[in-house]
Every structure is written in C-alpha cells, then in structure tokens.
Amino acid sequence: MSSCDAWPPPPRALVVQHVSEKLNCSAHDAEKLLQEASKRVLTHGEATASLLNQADASGLSLAPELFPLFRQQAHLRTCGLASLSIALDYLAGHQSVTITEADLEDMLDMSPGSLCVDDIRRGGMSLRQFSQVVQHVNSCGMAAVRSEIIRFADVETFRSALTHLLARSSATRQVVVCNYSMSAAGQGYWWGGHFSPVAAMDPTSDRALVLDVWQFTRPLWVDVQRLFEAMATEDKTSGERRGLVVIANSTKT
C-alpha cells in the first residue's frame, strides 16, 4: 500500500448498527450522528495526500514503514494490543504484518503475573497497563523493547515532543502510541478511550496522522491542539490522565 492510499471504509451498515445499539437509537438517527461526526474529522485518503507529502518533506513521517503494518483491532477493547503489535513489527524491521494480537495474548497467557487476556478483551487497558504489557514483552524474550509514558502540561511541550519523536533523523527507532479520548478528538461523543499509533505530523497544517485501529473508524489527521486535549482527559476506569507512550528498541541485559 502506498503512502497516499486510503484504507477501505468499514461496512456502513455495521457502523450504523453498532452506534444504534450503543446509543439505543434508531438506525436513521445513528446515520445522522455519523454524518455530523464526519464533518468534524479529516479522514486520511487521497484528499490528504498533500499533508502527508508535507510531513515527509519535513522529515516527520514514518508512514512508508508503518502503513504496511497497519491493522485494525481484533476485538472491541483490544486497541492497545493492536497498537502494540504494529509498534513491535516496526521495531523489528518487518515489512508486513507479522506479530499479531493473538501472539501478544499467547505471551500474556504464558507470563506469570501478567494482565488477564479476558480482562483486556472486556475492559481494555490503561496507559500504565499498556506499559506493563511492554515490560512482559521484554521480560519473556519476545522482543527487546522499552516504553516511556509521557503526559504533557501544555500543547507547546506536546508539539515539540511530537516533532522530536517523529523525526526520521532520530538515531533511536521508536513508535509513538497515543492514549486519547475519541470523543474529545471529534470522532463522536459516543466513543470512549482509545490507543492508536501516530504515523506523521504536518507542521504546516499543525496536524498529526493517527493510525486509528478502531473497527468502525479510519486513520485520520487530528489538529495537534485537539489531540493534546484528547490526551489530557481522564481514564475513568483507572482515574489516571491519558497521555502517550513511546516504545523503542533496547539492549536487553
């Protein structure tokens, strides 16, 4: 897949059905809500090719490497595992999907003291739990990786950090995964917390390309200010503030 190709949209009928069931409303009302939400987001596709070109020209795009590794989450609450599998494939230098959610689930099942896979499928993960899974990946020998959780006090600091973390000139091979509120990002008030990798940043439009792994949406360009605000929300399950996690290769000792 080229860096400008759009991913096929999810079947509209399934999206409408899911929103209708989630909000206990008619399919007609769900369709109207989805149409309104689509006006607030900039879905990645041919129309956004210029943004990707500008990000690449600025040296702030990992899209050529991450796009072939993109996949949607396999279950309703496993966005963290899907995002981590993309990151692990990238860090391993894979050029196609190789490490899957199922691989991570098998690893967790065999790791004493790890998170319960059933719990993740039912309730997802917090930012701290995501980092714990990365630790298990490292300790079990699946991959020599490390992670760092970062929360930002203001958008200027976030923008500066994102510019640094996405720089292709960086000597460190790393992936940025955002933990954010889809509702605050403008994708629909009915969606909740989410994990997805960031593939690029266009400094001209001040937007970041989020490789949204959710089954009912698509990758999108989010205004940096709005993404910061979406990450500054509280995870109501853990009571902790959302943020981002940086996953990088490490030398295992």
C-alpha atoms as a PDB file:
ATOM      1  CA  MET A   1       0.000   0.000   0.000  1.00  0.00           C
ATOM      2  CA  SER A   2       1.376   3.357  -0.994  1.00  0.00           C
ATOM      3  CA  SER A   3       1.676   6.202   1.486  1.00  0.00           C
ATOM      4  CA  CYS A   4      -1.245   8.030  -0.148  1.00  0.00           C
ATOM      5  CA  ASP A   5      -3.739   5.168  -0.471  1.00  0.00           C
ATOM      6  CA  ALA A   6      -6.890   5.229   1.617  1.00  0.00           C
ATOM      7  CA  TRP A   7      -7.962   2.233   3.644  1.00  0.00           C
ATOM      8  CA  PRO A   8     -11.381   0.905   2.662  1.00  0.00           C
ATOM      9  CA  PRO A   9     -14.117   2.194   4.954  1.00  0.00           C
ATOM     10  CA  PRO A  10     -15.798  -0.265   7.315  1.00  0.00           C
ATOM     11  CA  PRO A  11     -19.196  -1.538   6.098  1.00  0.00           C
ATOM     12  CA  ARG A  12     -21.542   1.372   6.744  1.00  0.00           C
ATOM     13  CA  ALA A  13     -24.401  -0.859   7.837  1.00  0.00           C
ATOM     14  CA  LEU A  14     -22.246  -2.402  10.572  1.00  0.00           C
ATOM     15  CA  VAL A  15     -21.131   1.009  11.845  1.00  0.00           C
ATOM     16  CA  VAL A  16     -24.713   2.286  11.903  1.00  0.00           C
ATOM     17  CA  GLN A  17     -25.849  -0.851  13.702  1.00  0.00           C
ATOM     18  CA  HIS A  18     -23.101  -0.551  16.323  1.00  0.00           C
ATOM     19  CA  VAL A  19     -23.831   3.123  17.031  1.00  0.00           C
ATOM     20  CA  SER A  20     -27.563   2.464  17.075  1.00  0.00           C
ATOM     21  CA  GLU A  21     -27.144  -0.303  19.652  1.00  0.00           C
ATOM     22  CA  LYS A  22     -24.667   1.671  21.708  1.00  0.00           C
ATOM     23  CA  LEU A  23     -26.913   4.738  21.927  1.00  0.00           C
ATOM     24  CA  ASN A  24     -30.219   2.855  21.859  1.00  0.00           C
ATOM     25  CA  CYS A  25     -31.424   4.948  18.950  1.00  0.00           C
ATOM     26  CA  SER A  26     -32.835   4.266  15.506  1.00  0.00           C
ATOM     27  CA  ALA A  27     -30.638   3.478  12.536  1.00  0.00           C
ATOM     28  CA  HIS A  28     -31.820   6.751  10.978  1.00  0.00           C
ATOM     29  CA  ASP A  29     -30.641   8.764  13.995  1.00  0.00           C
ATOM     30  CA  ALA A  30     -27.357   6.850  14.116  1.00  0.00           C
ATOM     31  CA  GLU A  31     -26.731   7.658  10.458  1.00  0.00           C
ATOM     32  CA  LYS A  32     -27.364  11.365  11.084  1.00  0.00           C
ATOM     33  CA  LEU A  33     -24.930  11.354  14.018  1.00  0.00           C
ATOM     34  CA  LEU A  34     -22.257   9.661  11.915  1.00  0.00           C
ATOM     35  CA  GLN A  35     -22.711  12.184   9.125  1.00  0.00           C
ATOM     36  CA  GLU A  36     -22.329  15.061  11.588  1.00  0.00           C
ATOM     37  CA  ALA A  37     -19.199  13.488  13.105  1.00  0.00           C
ATOM     38  CA  SER A  38     -17.647  13.017   9.661  1.00  0.00           C
ATOM     39  CA  LYS A  39     -17.718  16.791   9.186  1.00  0.00           C
ATOM     40  CA  ARG A  40     -15.505  17.261  12.256  1.00  0.00           C
ATOM     41  CA  VAL A  41     -12.707  14.877  11.288  1.00  0.00           C
ATOM     42  CA  LEU A  42     -10.249  14.709   8.411  1.00  0.00           C
ATOM     43  CA  THR A  43     -10.051  11.073   7.355  1.00  0.00           C
ATOM     44  CA  HIS A  44      -6.831  10.039   5.670  1.00  0.00           C
ATOM     45  CA  GLY A  45      -7.095   9.473   1.931  1.00  0.00           C
ATOM     46  CA  GLU A  46      -6.291  10.936  -1.449  1.00  0.00           C
ATOM     47  CA  ALA A  47      -7.605  14.339  -0.323  1.00  0.00           C
ATOM     48  CA  THR A  48      -4.965  14.473   2.426  1.00  0.00           C
ATOM     49  CA  ALA A  49      -2.028  13.413   0.267  1.00  0.00           C
ATOM     50  CA  SER A  50      -0.626  16.957   0.457  1.00  0.00           C
ATOM     51  CA  LEU A  51      -0.482  16.741   4.252  1.00  0.00           C
ATOM     52  CA  LEU A  52       1.465  13.507   4.080  1.00  0.00           C
ATOM     53  CA  ASN A  53       3.808  14.968   1.454  1.00  0.00           C
ATOM     54  CA  GLN A  54       4.450  17.998   3.671  1.00  0.00           C
ATOM     55  CA  ALA A  55       5.088  15.774   6.687  1.00  0.00           C
ATOM     56  CA  ASP A  56       7.527  13.693   4.661  1.00  0.00           C
ATOM     57  CA  ALA A  57       9.294  16.808   3.337  1.00  0.00           C
ATOM     58  CA  SER A  58       9.674  17.993   6.936  1.00  0.00           C
ATOM     59  CA  GLY A  59      11.205  14.665   7.947  1.00  0.00           C
ATOM     60  CA  LEU A  60       8.268  13.932  10.256  1.00  0.00           C
ATOM     61  CA  SER A  61       6.695  10.861   8.692  1.00  0.00           C
ATOM     62  CA  LEU A  62       7.052   7.152   9.448  1.00  0.00           C
ATOM     63  CA  ALA A  63       4.124   6.404   7.147  1.00  0.00           C
ATOM     64  CA  PRO A  64       6.062   4.425   4.496  1.00  0.00           C
ATOM     65  CA  GLU A  65       7.164   1.969   7.188  1.00  0.00           C
ATOM     66  CA  LEU A  66       4.001   1.942   9.322  1.00  0.00           C
ATOM     67  CA  PHE A  67       1.329   1.786   6.618  1.00  0.00           C
ATOM     68  CA  PRO A  68       2.148  -1.802   5.527  1.00  0.00           C
ATOM     69  CA  LEU A  69       1.993  -2.837   9.206  1.00  0.00           C
ATOM     70  CA  PHE A  70      -1.389  -1.260   9.906  1.00  0.00           C
ATOM     71  CA  ARG A  71      -4.219  -3.470  11.093  1.00  0.00           C
ATOM     72  CA  GLN A  72      -7.487  -2.960  12.927  1.00  0.00           C
ATOM     73  CA  GLN A  73      -8.054  -4.340  16.384  1.00  0.00           C
ATOM     74  CA  ALA A  74      -9.460  -7.856  16.535  1.00  0.00           C
ATOM     75  CA  HIS A  75     -11.834  -7.259  19.452  1.00  0.00           C
ATOM     76  CA  LEU A  76     -13.870  -4.341  20.779  1.00  0.00           C
ATOM     77  CA  ARG A  77     -11.462  -3.471  23.607  1.00  0.00           C
ATOM     78  CA  THR A  78      -8.064  -4.548  22.242  1.00  0.00           C
ATOM     79  CA  CYS A  79      -6.915  -1.286  20.651  1.00  0.00           C
ATOM     80  CA  GLY A  80      -3.857  -1.345  22.922  1.00  0.00           C
ATOM     81  CA  LEU A  81      -2.778  -4.787  21.737  1.00  0.00           C
ATOM     82  CA  ALA A  82      -3.350  -3.836  18.089  1.00  0.00           C
ATOM     83  CA  SER A  83      -1.287  -0.665  18.509  1.00  0.00           C
ATOM     84  CA  LEU A  84       1.492  -2.547  20.283  1.00  0.00           C
ATOM     85  CA  SER A  85       1.635  -5.220  17.592  1.00  0.00           C
ATOM     86  CA  ILE A  86       2.111  -2.504  14.961  1.00  0.00           C
ATOM     87  CA  ALA A  87       4.894  -0.970  17.046  1.00  0.00           C
ATOM     88  CA  LEU A  88       6.652  -4.302  17.569  1.00  0.00           C
ATOM     89  CA  ASP A  89       6.537  -5.105  13.864  1.00  0.00           C
ATOM     90  CA  TYR A  90       8.061  -1.713  13.079  1.00  0.00           C
ATOM     91  CA  LEU A  91      10.800  -2.035  15.695  1.00  0.00           C
ATOM     92  CA  ALA A  92      11.672  -5.497  14.398  1.00  0.00           C
ATOM     93  CA  GLY A  93      12.043  -4.104  10.877  1.00  0.00           C
ATOM     94  CA  HIS A  94       9.180  -6.160   9.468  1.00  0.00           C
ATOM     95  CA  GLN A  95       7.696  -5.001   6.178  1.00  0.00           C
ATOM     96  CA  SER A  96       4.320  -6.673   6.578  1.00  0.00           C
ATOM     97  CA  VAL A  97       2.073  -7.746   9.423  1.00  0.00           C
ATOM     98  CA  THR A  98       3.951 -10.428  11.356  1.00  0.00           C
ATOM     99  CA  ILE A  99       3.298 -10.006  15.083  1.00  0.00           C
ATOM    100  CA  THR A 100      -0.399 -10.243  15.866  1.00  0.00           C
ATOM    101  CA  GLU A 101      -2.736  -9.607  18.769  1.00  0.00           C
ATOM    102  CA  ALA A 102      -3.000 -13.371  19.158  1.00  0.00           C
ATOM    103  CA  ASP A 103       0.780 -13.554  19.629  1.00  0.00           C
ATOM    104  CA  LEU A 104       0.582 -10.961  22.397  1.00  0.00           C
ATOM    105  CA  GLU A 105      -2.329 -12.735  24.031  1.00  0.00           C
ATOM    106  CA  ASP A 106      -0.415 -16.039  23.980  1.00  0.00           C
ATOM    107  CA  MET A 107       2.558 -14.269  25.533  1.00  0.00           C
ATOM    108  CA  LEU A 108       0.391 -12.832  28.314  1.00  0.00           C
ATOM    109  CA  ASP A 109      -1.222 -16.228  28.975  1.00  0.00           C
ATOM    110  CA  MET A 110       2.232 -17.726  29.495  1.00  0.00           C
ATOM    111  CA  SER A 111       3.646 -14.854  31.587  1.00  0.00           C
ATOM    112  CA  PRO A 112       3.150 -15.234  35.363  1.00  0.00           C
ATOM    113  CA  GLY A 113       1.710 -12.105  36.952  1.00  0.00           C
ATOM    114  CA  SER A 114       0.691 -10.561  33.650  1.00  0.00           C
ATOM    115  CA  LEU A 115      -2.642  -8.977  32.794  1.00  0.00           C
ATOM    116  CA  CYS A 116      -5.524 -11.342  32.122  1.00  0.00           C
ATOM    117  CA  VAL A 117      -6.370 -11.516  28.427  1.00  0.00           C
ATOM    118  CA  ASP A 118     -10.083 -11.849  29.196  1.00  0.00           C
ATOM    119  CA  ASP A 119      -9.916  -8.680  31.305  1.00  0.00           C
ATOM    120  CA  ILE A 120      -8.281  -6.808  28.422  1.00  0.00           C
ATOM    121  CA  ARG A 121     -10.931  -8.014  25.989  1.00  0.00           C
ATOM    122  CA  ARG A 122     -13.690  -6.928  28.359  1.00  0.00           C
ATOM    123  CA  GLY A 123     -12.320  -3.639  29.633  1.00  0.00           C
ATOM    124  CA  GLY A 124      -9.285  -2.625  27.603  1.00  0.00           C
ATOM    125  CA  MET A 125      -6.151  -1.218  29.245  1.00  0.00           C
ATOM    126  CA  SER A 126      -4.985   1.925  30.978  1.00  0.00           C
ATOM    127  CA  LEU A 127      -1.798   3.675  29.948  1.00  0.00           C
ATOM    128  CA  ARG A 128       0.014   2.095  32.884  1.00  0.00           C
ATOM    129  CA  GLN A 129      -1.239  -1.362  31.964  1.00  0.00           C
ATOM    130  CA  PHE A 130      -0.140  -0.850  28.374  1.00  0.00           C
ATOM    131  CA  SER A 131       3.363  -0.142  29.659  1.00  0.00           C
ATOM    132  CA  GLN A 132       3.190  -3.279  31.797  1.00  0.00           C
ATOM    133  CA  VAL A 133       2.440  -5.360  28.714  1.00  0.00           C
ATOM    134  CA  VAL A 134       5.527  -3.874  27.052  1.00  0.00           C
ATOM    135  CA  GLN A 135       7.546  -4.950  30.106  1.00  0.00           C
ATOM    136  CA  HIS A 136       6.224  -8.501  29.740  1.00  0.00           C
ATOM    137  CA  VAL A 137       7.165  -8.474  26.046  1.00  0.00           C
ATOM    138  CA  ASN A 138      10.709  -7.622  27.081  1.00  0.00           C
ATOM    139  CA  SER A 139      10.997  -9.932  30.097  1.00  0.00           C
ATOM    140  CA  CYS A 140       9.669 -13.001  28.277  1.00  0.00           C
ATOM    141  CA  GLY A 141      12.124 -12.519  25.421  1.00  0.00           C
ATOM    142  CA  MET A 142       9.533 -11.792  22.753  1.00  0.00           C
ATOM    143  CA  ALA A 143      11.341  -8.536  21.872  1.00  0.00           C
ATOM    144  CA  ALA A 144      13.960  -6.317  23.477  1.00  0.00           C
ATOM    145  CA  VAL A 145      11.892  -3.169  23.889  1.00  0.00           C
ATOM    146  CA  ARG A 146      11.245  -0.475  26.450  1.00  0.00           C
ATOM    147  CA  SER A 147       8.493   2.069  26.968  1.00  0.00           C
ATOM    148  CA  GLU A 148       8.095   5.512  28.485  1.00  0.00           C
ATOM    149  CA  ILE A 149       4.824   7.146  29.484  1.00  0.00           C
ATOM    150  CA  ILE A 150       4.681  10.901  28.863  1.00  0.00           C
ATOM    151  CA  ARG A 151       1.987  13.353  29.915  1.00  0.00           C
ATOM    152  CA  PHE A 152       2.164  16.992  28.877  1.00  0.00           C
ATOM    153  CA  ALA A 153       1.317  20.170  30.774  1.00  0.00           C
ATOM    154  CA  ASP A 154       0.688  22.277  27.665  1.00  0.00           C
ATOM    155  CA  VAL A 155       0.266  21.919  23.929  1.00  0.00           C
ATOM    156  CA  GLU A 156       3.558  23.655  23.112  1.00  0.00           C
ATOM    157  CA  THR A 157       5.505  20.993  25.004  1.00  0.00           C
ATOM    158  CA  PHE A 158       3.470  18.258  23.315  1.00  0.00           C
ATOM    159  CA  ARG A 159       4.044  19.717  19.849  1.00  0.00           C
ATOM    160  CA  SER A 160       7.784  19.989  20.469  1.00  0.00           C
ATOM    161  CA  ALA A 161       7.980  16.425  21.781  1.00  0.00           C
ATOM    162  CA  LEU A 162       5.976  15.041  18.866  1.00  0.00           C
ATOM    163  CA  THR A 163       8.287  16.817  16.425  1.00  0.00           C
ATOM    164  CA  HIS A 164      11.281  15.219  18.127  1.00  0.00           C
ATOM    165  CA  LEU A 165       9.761  11.745  18.444  1.00  0.00           C
ATOM    166  CA  LEU A 166       8.633  11.532  14.808  1.00  0.00           C
ATOM    167  CA  ALA A 167      11.857  12.904  13.319  1.00  0.00           C
ATOM    168  CA  ARG A 168      13.249  10.461  10.772  1.00  0.00           C
ATOM    169  CA  SER A 169      16.703  11.814  11.564  1.00  0.00           C
ATOM    170  CA  SER A 170      16.477  10.427  15.102  1.00  0.00           C
ATOM    171  CA  ALA A 171      19.088   7.810  15.938  1.00  0.00           C
ATOM    172  CA  THR A 172      16.501   5.962  18.049  1.00  0.00           C
ATOM    173  CA  ARG A 173      13.984   3.703  16.347  1.00  0.00           C
ATOM    174  CA  GLN A 174      10.739   4.359  18.193  1.00  0.00           C
ATOM    175  CA  VAL A 175       6.958   4.446  17.881  1.00  0.00           C
ATOM    176  CA  VAL A 176       4.539   6.896  19.467  1.00  0.00           C
ATOM    177  CA  VAL A 177       1.222   5.459  20.659  1.00  0.00           C
ATOM    178  CA  CYS A 178      -1.396   7.919  21.897  1.00  0.00           C
ATOM    179  CA  ASN A 179      -3.947   7.117  24.591  1.00  0.00           C
ATOM    180  CA  TYR A 180      -6.759   9.583  23.968  1.00  0.00           C
ATOM    181  CA  SER A 181     -10.496  10.187  24.082  1.00  0.00           C
ATOM    182  CA  MET A 182     -12.082   9.620  20.681  1.00  0.00           C
ATOM    183  CA  SER A 183     -14.940  11.853  21.746  1.00  0.00           C
ATOM    184  CA  ALA A 184     -12.599  14.747  22.566  1.00  0.00           C
ATOM    185  CA  ALA A 185     -10.812  14.156  19.255  1.00  0.00           C
ATOM    186  CA  GLY A 186     -14.095  14.887  17.479  1.00  0.00           C
ATOM    187  CA  GLN A 187     -14.822  11.361  16.263  1.00  0.00           C
ATOM    188  CA  GLY A 188     -18.189  11.106  18.016  1.00  0.00           C
ATOM    189  CA  TYR A 189     -19.372  11.702  21.563  1.00  0.00           C
ATOM    190  CA  TRP A 190     -20.398   8.036  21.866  1.00  0.00           C
ATOM    191  CA  TRP A 191     -16.829   6.709  21.549  1.00  0.00           C
ATOM    192  CA  GLY A 192     -14.563   6.303  24.577  1.00  0.00           C
ATOM    193  CA  GLY A 193     -10.856   5.989  25.377  1.00  0.00           C
ATOM    194  CA  HIS A 194      -8.551   4.610  22.730  1.00  0.00           C
ATOM    195  CA  PHE A 195      -4.991   3.643  21.790  1.00  0.00           C
ATOM    196  CA  SER A 196      -3.528   4.231  18.320  1.00  0.00           C
ATOM    197  CA  PRO A 197      -0.070   4.935  16.841  1.00  0.00           C
ATOM    198  CA  VAL A 198       0.916   8.297  15.359  1.00  0.00           C
ATOM    199  CA  ALA A 199       2.475   7.969  11.909  1.00  0.00           C
ATOM    200  CA  ALA A 200       3.252  11.545  10.874  1.00  0.00           C
ATOM    201  CA  MET A 201       2.968  15.233  11.664  1.00  0.00           C
ATOM    202  CA  ASP A 202       2.490  18.065   9.184  1.00  0.00           C
ATOM    203  CA  PRO A 203       3.876  21.276  10.728  1.00  0.00           C
ATOM    204  CA  THR A 204       2.196  23.431   8.083  1.00  0.00           C
ATOM    205  CA  SER A 205      -1.361  22.441   8.991  1.00  0.00           C
ATOM    206  CA  ASP A 206      -0.359  21.521  12.561  1.00  0.00           C
ATOM    207  CA  ARG A 207      -1.995  18.109  12.271  1.00  0.00           C
ATOM    208  CA  ALA A 208      -0.897  14.619  13.253  1.00  0.00           C
ATOM    209  CA  LEU A 209      -1.822  11.418  11.430  1.00  0.00           C
ATOM    210  CA  VAL A 210      -3.331   8.946  13.894  1.00  0.00           C
ATOM    211  CA  LEU A 211      -3.460   5.364  12.624  1.00  0.00           C
ATOM    212  CA  ASP A 212      -6.810   4.677  14.244  1.00  0.00           C
ATOM    213  CA  VAL A 213      -7.097   0.908  14.799  1.00  0.00           C
ATOM    214  CA  TRP A 214     -10.791   1.003  15.829  1.00  0.00           C
ATOM    215  CA  GLN A 215     -13.020  -1.300  13.785  1.00  0.00           C
ATOM    216  CA  PHE A 216     -15.617   1.331  12.946  1.00  0.00           C
ATOM    217  CA  THR A 217     -13.432   4.307  12.003  1.00  0.00           C
ATOM    218  CA  ARG A 218     -10.372   5.012   9.866  1.00  0.00           C
ATOM    219  CA  PRO A 219      -6.965   6.691  10.222  1.00  0.00           C
ATOM    220  CA  LEU A 220      -7.348  10.450  10.460  1.00  0.00           C
ATOM    221  CA  TRP A 221      -5.478  13.745  10.690  1.00  0.00           C
ATOM    222  CA  VAL A 222      -6.071  15.428  14.040  1.00  0.00           C
ATOM    223  CA  ASP A 223      -5.233  19.024  14.925  1.00  0.00           C
ATOM    224  CA  VAL A 224      -2.320  18.940  17.401  1.00  0.00           C
ATOM    225  CA  GLN A 225      -4.227  21.155  19.853  1.00  0.00           C
ATOM    226  CA  ARG A 226      -7.232  18.841  19.734  1.00  0.00           C
ATOM    227  CA  LEU A 227      -5.056  15.730  20.101  1.00  0.00           C
ATOM    228  CA  PHE A 228      -3.398  17.264  23.146  1.00  0.00           C
ATOM    229  CA  GLU A 229      -6.810  17.981  24.664  1.00  0.00           C
ATOM    230  CA  ALA A 230      -7.980  14.442  23.868  1.00  0.00           C
ATOM    231  CA  MET A 231      -4.930  13.031  25.671  1.00  0.00           C
ATOM    232  CA  ALA A 232      -5.422  15.363  28.633  1.00  0.00           C
ATOM    233  CA  THR A 233      -8.684  13.628  29.536  1.00  0.00           C
ATOM    234  CA  GLU A 234      -9.127  11.239  32.442  1.00  0.00           C
ATOM    235  CA  ASP A 235      -9.374   7.485  32.078  1.00  0.00           C
ATOM    236  CA  LYS A 236     -12.437   6.956  34.260  1.00  0.00           C
ATOM    237  CA  THR A 237     -11.603   3.301  34.917  1.00  0.00           C
ATOM    238  CA  SER A 238      -8.093   3.920  36.258  1.00  0.00           C
ATOM    239  CA  GLY A 239      -8.654   7.503  37.427  1.00  0.00           C
ATOM    240  CA  GLU A 240      -5.423   8.467  35.664  1.00  0.00           C
ATOM    241  CA  ARG A 241      -4.802  11.055  32.996  1.00  0.00           C
ATOM    242  CA  ARG A 242      -4.261   9.785  29.497  1.00  0.00           C
ATOM    243  CA  GLY A 243      -1.131  10.624  27.503  1.00  0.00           C
ATOM    244  CA  LEU A 244       1.241   8.846  25.171  1.00  0.00           C
ATOM    245  CA  VAL A 245       3.702   6.008  25.401  1.00  0.00           C
ATOM    246  CA  VAL A 246       6.948   5.831  23.448  1.00  0.00           C
ATOM    247  CA  ILE A 247       8.088   2.319  22.544  1.00  0.00           C
ATOM    248  CA  ALA A 248      11.684   1.824  21.441  1.00  0.00           C
ATOM    249  CA  ASN A 249      14.248  -0.905  20.947  1.00  0.00           C
ATOM    250  CA  SER A 250      16.513  -1.538  23.894  1.00  0.00           C
ATOM    251  CA  THR A 251      19.595  -3.587  24.660  1.00  0.00           C
ATOM    252  CA  LYS A 252      18.447  -6.460  26.804  1.00  0.00           C
ATOM    253  CA  THR A 253      20.628  -7.114  29.832  1.00  0.00           C
END
